[in-house]
Amino acid sequence: MNSPCVAICQLTDQPQGDFDVNTELLVLEEREIHVATWDAEPRDGGFDIHVLNDRVDSLGFMVVTGWQFLDGRAYAVVERRPAI
């Protein structure tokens, strides 16, 4: 059984060099932080759930709760995908 982790998606104001990146997804897993970044704008007061799910999946996790939106951020409980 995998331990639940927290995923947080937010807009970033950190300069990314030559890249046009403004969105970051952080997955907090025990003592590790996994990060994905991309260029996207929140829509209708929240982030695109399909994109969030794809980004979580690309980090090797799956969403186990629905995304919740608060103060310009998106939050979900995720778990590491089982190894096949």
N, C-alpha and C. Protein backbone atom coordinates (compact mmCIF):
# COMPACT_ATOMS: atom_id res chain seq x y z
N MET A 1 0.84 -1.19 0.00
CA MET A 1 0.00 0.00 0.00
C MET A 1 0.89 1.24 0.00
N ASN A 2 0.59 2.18 -0.87
CA ASN A 2 1.34 3.42 -0.97
C ASN A 2 0.85 4.43 0.05
N SER A 3 1.77 5.25 0.52
CA SER A 3 1.41 6.31 1.45
C SER A 3 0.85 7.50 0.68
N PRO A 4 -0.19 8.12 1.19
CA PRO A 4 -0.72 9.31 0.53
C PRO A 4 0.28 10.45 0.58
N CYS A 5 0.27 11.26 -0.45
CA CYS A 5 1.14 12.43 -0.57
C CYS A 5 0.26 13.64 -0.90
N VAL A 6 0.84 14.80 -0.82
CA VAL A 6 0.12 16.03 -1.15
C VAL A 6 0.66 16.61 -2.44
N ALA A 7 -0.24 17.02 -3.33
CA ALA A 7 0.14 17.72 -4.56
C ALA A 7 -0.40 19.14 -4.46
N ILE A 8 0.46 20.10 -4.80
CA ILE A 8 0.08 21.52 -4.78
C ILE A 8 0.47 22.12 -6.12
N CYS A 9 -0.47 22.78 -6.77
CA CYS A 9 -0.18 23.47 -8.03
C CYS A 9 -0.41 24.95 -7.82
N GLN A 10 0.53 25.76 -8.32
CA GLN A 10 0.41 27.20 -8.15
C GLN A 10 1.13 27.92 -9.28
N LEU A 11 0.78 29.17 -9.46
CA LEU A 11 1.52 30.01 -10.38
C LEU A 11 2.81 30.41 -9.68
N THR A 12 3.88 30.52 -10.44
CA THR A 12 5.16 30.91 -9.87
C THR A 12 5.58 32.27 -10.40
N ASP A 13 6.29 33.00 -9.57
CA ASP A 13 6.84 34.27 -10.02
C ASP A 13 8.36 34.18 -10.10
N GLN A 14 8.89 32.98 -10.01
CA GLN A 14 10.33 32.76 -10.10
C GLN A 14 10.79 32.83 -11.55
N PRO A 15 11.85 33.55 -11.83
CA PRO A 15 12.36 33.59 -13.21
C PRO A 15 12.88 32.21 -13.62
N GLN A 16 12.57 31.82 -14.84
CA GLN A 16 12.95 30.50 -15.33
C GLN A 16 13.94 30.60 -16.49
N GLY A 17 14.76 31.61 -16.50
CA GLY A 17 15.76 31.74 -17.56
C GLY A 17 15.11 32.04 -18.90
N ASP A 18 15.46 31.27 -19.90
CA ASP A 18 14.95 31.48 -21.25
C ASP A 18 13.57 30.85 -21.47
N PHE A 19 13.06 30.13 -20.47
CA PHE A 19 11.80 29.43 -20.64
C PHE A 19 10.63 30.29 -20.20
N ASP A 20 9.51 30.12 -20.85
CA ASP A 20 8.30 30.84 -20.49
C ASP A 20 7.44 29.90 -19.63
N VAL A 21 7.80 29.79 -18.36
CA VAL A 21 7.15 28.86 -17.45
C VAL A 21 6.52 29.68 -16.33
N ASN A 22 5.25 29.40 -16.05
CA ASN A 22 4.62 30.15 -14.98
C ASN A 22 3.81 29.28 -14.02
N THR A 23 3.78 27.98 -14.23
CA THR A 23 3.00 27.10 -13.37
C THR A 23 3.89 26.00 -12.82
N GLU A 24 3.75 25.71 -11.53
CA GLU A 24 4.54 24.64 -10.95
C GLU A 24 3.64 23.71 -10.14
N LEU A 25 3.98 22.44 -10.20
CA LEU A 25 3.29 21.40 -9.45
C LEU A 25 4.31 20.77 -8.52
N LEU A 26 4.00 20.75 -7.24
CA LEU A 26 4.87 20.15 -6.24
C LEU A 26 4.16 18.95 -5.65
N VAL A 27 4.85 17.81 -5.59
CA VAL A 27 4.33 16.64 -4.90
C VAL A 27 5.26 16.39 -3.72
N LEU A 28 4.71 16.43 -2.52
CA LEU A 28 5.48 16.24 -1.30
C LEU A 28 5.34 14.78 -0.88
N GLU A 29 6.44 14.03 -1.03
CA GLU A 29 6.44 12.60 -0.73
C GLU A 29 7.50 12.33 0.33
N GLU A 30 7.06 12.04 1.54
CA GLU A 30 7.96 11.84 2.67
C GLU A 30 8.96 12.98 2.73
N ARG A 31 10.23 12.74 2.47
CA ARG A 31 11.24 13.81 2.56
C ARG A 31 11.67 14.29 1.18
N GLU A 32 10.94 13.93 0.15
CA GLU A 32 11.28 14.34 -1.21
C GLU A 32 10.23 15.29 -1.76
N ILE A 33 10.67 16.18 -2.63
CA ILE A 33 9.77 17.08 -3.35
C ILE A 33 9.97 16.83 -4.83
N HIS A 34 8.90 16.50 -5.53
CA HIS A 34 8.92 16.30 -6.98
C HIS A 34 8.29 17.53 -7.61
N VAL A 35 8.92 18.06 -8.66
CA VAL A 35 8.46 19.31 -9.26
C VAL A 35 8.28 19.15 -10.76
N ALA A 36 7.17 19.68 -11.25
CA ALA A 36 6.94 19.80 -12.70
C ALA A 36 6.56 21.25 -12.96
N THR A 37 7.06 21.81 -14.06
CA THR A 37 6.72 23.18 -14.42
C THR A 37 6.28 23.23 -15.87
N TRP A 38 5.42 24.19 -16.19
CA TRP A 38 4.94 24.38 -17.56
C TRP A 38 4.30 25.75 -17.67
N ASP A 39 3.98 26.13 -18.89
CA ASP A 39 3.35 27.41 -19.17
C ASP A 39 1.85 27.19 -19.35
N ALA A 40 1.07 27.68 -18.43
CA ALA A 40 -0.40 27.54 -18.50
C ALA A 40 -1.03 28.61 -17.64
N GLU A 41 -2.22 28.99 -17.99
CA GLU A 41 -2.96 29.97 -17.20
C GLU A 41 -4.13 29.28 -16.52
N PRO A 42 -4.43 29.67 -15.28
CA PRO A 42 -5.63 29.12 -14.65
C PRO A 42 -6.87 29.58 -15.41
N ARG A 43 -7.86 28.71 -15.46
CA ARG A 43 -9.10 29.03 -16.18
C ARG A 43 -10.28 29.06 -15.21
N ASP A 44 -11.11 30.03 -15.36
CA ASP A 44 -12.33 30.13 -14.56
C ASP A 44 -12.05 30.03 -13.06
N GLY A 45 -10.97 30.65 -12.61
CA GLY A 45 -10.65 30.64 -11.19
C GLY A 45 -9.95 29.38 -10.72
N GLY A 46 -9.68 28.45 -11.61
CA GLY A 46 -8.99 27.23 -11.22
C GLY A 46 -8.13 26.71 -12.36
N PHE A 47 -7.33 25.74 -12.09
CA PHE A 47 -6.46 25.15 -13.10
C PHE A 47 -7.23 24.07 -13.86
N ASP A 48 -6.76 23.75 -15.06
CA ASP A 48 -7.37 22.70 -15.87
C ASP A 48 -7.10 21.35 -15.21
N ILE A 49 -8.14 20.69 -14.75
CA ILE A 49 -8.00 19.43 -14.01
C ILE A 49 -7.35 18.35 -14.86
N HIS A 50 -7.64 18.30 -16.14
CA HIS A 50 -7.03 17.28 -17.01
C HIS A 50 -5.53 17.48 -17.11
N VAL A 51 -5.09 18.73 -17.20
CA VAL A 51 -3.65 19.02 -17.24
C VAL A 51 -3.02 18.65 -15.90
N LEU A 52 -3.67 19.00 -14.80
CA LEU A 52 -3.14 18.64 -13.48
C LEU A 52 -2.97 17.13 -13.35
N ASN A 53 -3.98 16.39 -13.76
CA ASN A 53 -3.90 14.93 -13.68
C ASN A 53 -2.78 14.38 -14.54
N ASP A 54 -2.61 14.93 -15.75
CA ASP A 54 -1.52 14.49 -16.64
C ASP A 54 -0.16 14.79 -16.02
N ARG A 55 -0.02 15.96 -15.42
CA ARG A 55 1.26 16.34 -14.81
C ARG A 55 1.58 15.46 -13.61
N VAL A 56 0.59 15.16 -12.79
CA VAL A 56 0.79 14.26 -11.65
C VAL A 56 1.20 12.89 -12.16
N ASP A 57 0.51 12.42 -13.21
CA ASP A 57 0.82 11.12 -13.80
C ASP A 57 2.26 11.08 -14.33
N SER A 58 2.70 12.16 -14.95
CA SER A 58 4.06 12.19 -15.51
C SER A 58 5.13 12.12 -14.42
N LEU A 59 4.78 12.48 -13.19
CA LEU A 59 5.71 12.36 -12.07
C LEU A 59 5.64 10.99 -11.41
N GLY A 60 4.75 10.11 -11.92
CA GLY A 60 4.65 8.76 -11.37
C GLY A 60 3.63 8.60 -10.26
N PHE A 61 2.68 9.54 -10.19
CA PHE A 61 1.66 9.50 -9.14
C PHE A 61 0.27 9.45 -9.76
N MET A 62 -0.73 9.16 -8.94
CA MET A 62 -2.13 9.21 -9.38
C MET A 62 -2.92 9.96 -8.33
N VAL A 63 -3.91 10.71 -8.80
CA VAL A 63 -4.76 11.51 -7.91
C VAL A 63 -5.78 10.58 -7.27
N VAL A 64 -5.90 10.65 -5.93
CA VAL A 64 -6.86 9.79 -5.22
C VAL A 64 -8.02 10.58 -4.63
N THR A 65 -7.95 11.91 -4.68
CA THR A 65 -9.08 12.75 -4.28
C THR A 65 -9.33 13.74 -5.40
N GLY A 66 -10.43 14.43 -5.36
CA GLY A 66 -10.66 15.50 -6.32
C GLY A 66 -9.77 16.68 -5.98
N TRP A 67 -9.48 17.50 -6.98
CA TRP A 67 -8.70 18.72 -6.77
C TRP A 67 -9.56 19.75 -6.05
N GLN A 68 -8.98 20.43 -5.10
CA GLN A 68 -9.64 21.51 -4.38
C GLN A 68 -8.87 22.79 -4.68
N PHE A 69 -9.58 23.90 -4.79
CA PHE A 69 -8.97 25.17 -5.16
C PHE A 69 -9.15 26.17 -4.02
N LEU A 70 -8.04 26.80 -3.62
CA LEU A 70 -8.07 27.76 -2.52
C LEU A 70 -6.95 28.78 -2.73
N ASP A 71 -7.30 30.05 -2.70
CA ASP A 71 -6.32 31.14 -2.78
C ASP A 71 -5.39 31.02 -3.98
N GLY A 72 -5.93 30.67 -5.15
CA GLY A 72 -5.13 30.61 -6.36
C GLY A 72 -4.24 29.39 -6.49
N ARG A 73 -4.47 28.39 -5.65
CA ARG A 73 -3.71 27.14 -5.71
C ARG A 73 -4.67 25.97 -5.82
N ALA A 74 -4.15 24.85 -6.32
CA ALA A 74 -4.92 23.62 -6.41
C ALA A 74 -4.24 22.58 -5.52
N TYR A 75 -5.05 21.81 -4.79
CA TYR A 75 -4.53 20.81 -3.86
C TYR A 75 -5.22 19.47 -4.11
N ALA A 76 -4.46 18.37 -3.96
CA ALA A 76 -5.04 17.04 -4.06
C ALA A 76 -4.18 16.06 -3.27
N VAL A 77 -4.80 14.98 -2.87
CA VAL A 77 -4.06 13.86 -2.28
C VAL A 77 -3.71 12.92 -3.43
N VAL A 78 -2.45 12.51 -3.49
CA VAL A 78 -1.98 11.62 -4.55
C VAL A 78 -1.24 10.45 -3.93
N GLU A 79 -1.05 9.39 -4.73
CA GLU A 79 -0.25 8.24 -4.33
C GLU A 79 0.67 7.87 -5.47
N ARG A 80 1.83 7.31 -5.12
CA ARG A 80 2.74 6.83 -6.15
C ARG A 80 2.08 5.67 -6.89
N ARG A 81 2.22 5.67 -8.22
CA ARG A 81 1.69 4.58 -9.02
C ARG A 81 2.44 3.30 -8.70
N PRO A 82 1.71 2.19 -8.59
CA PRO A 82 2.41 0.92 -8.31
C PRO A 82 3.31 0.54 -9.49
N ALA A 83 4.45 -0.03 -9.17
CA ALA A 83 5.36 -0.51 -10.23
C ALA A 83 4.75 -1.73 -10.91
N ILE A 84 4.90 -1.76 -12.24
CA ILE A 84 4.32 -2.87 -13.00
C ILE A 84 5.38 -3.91 -13.25
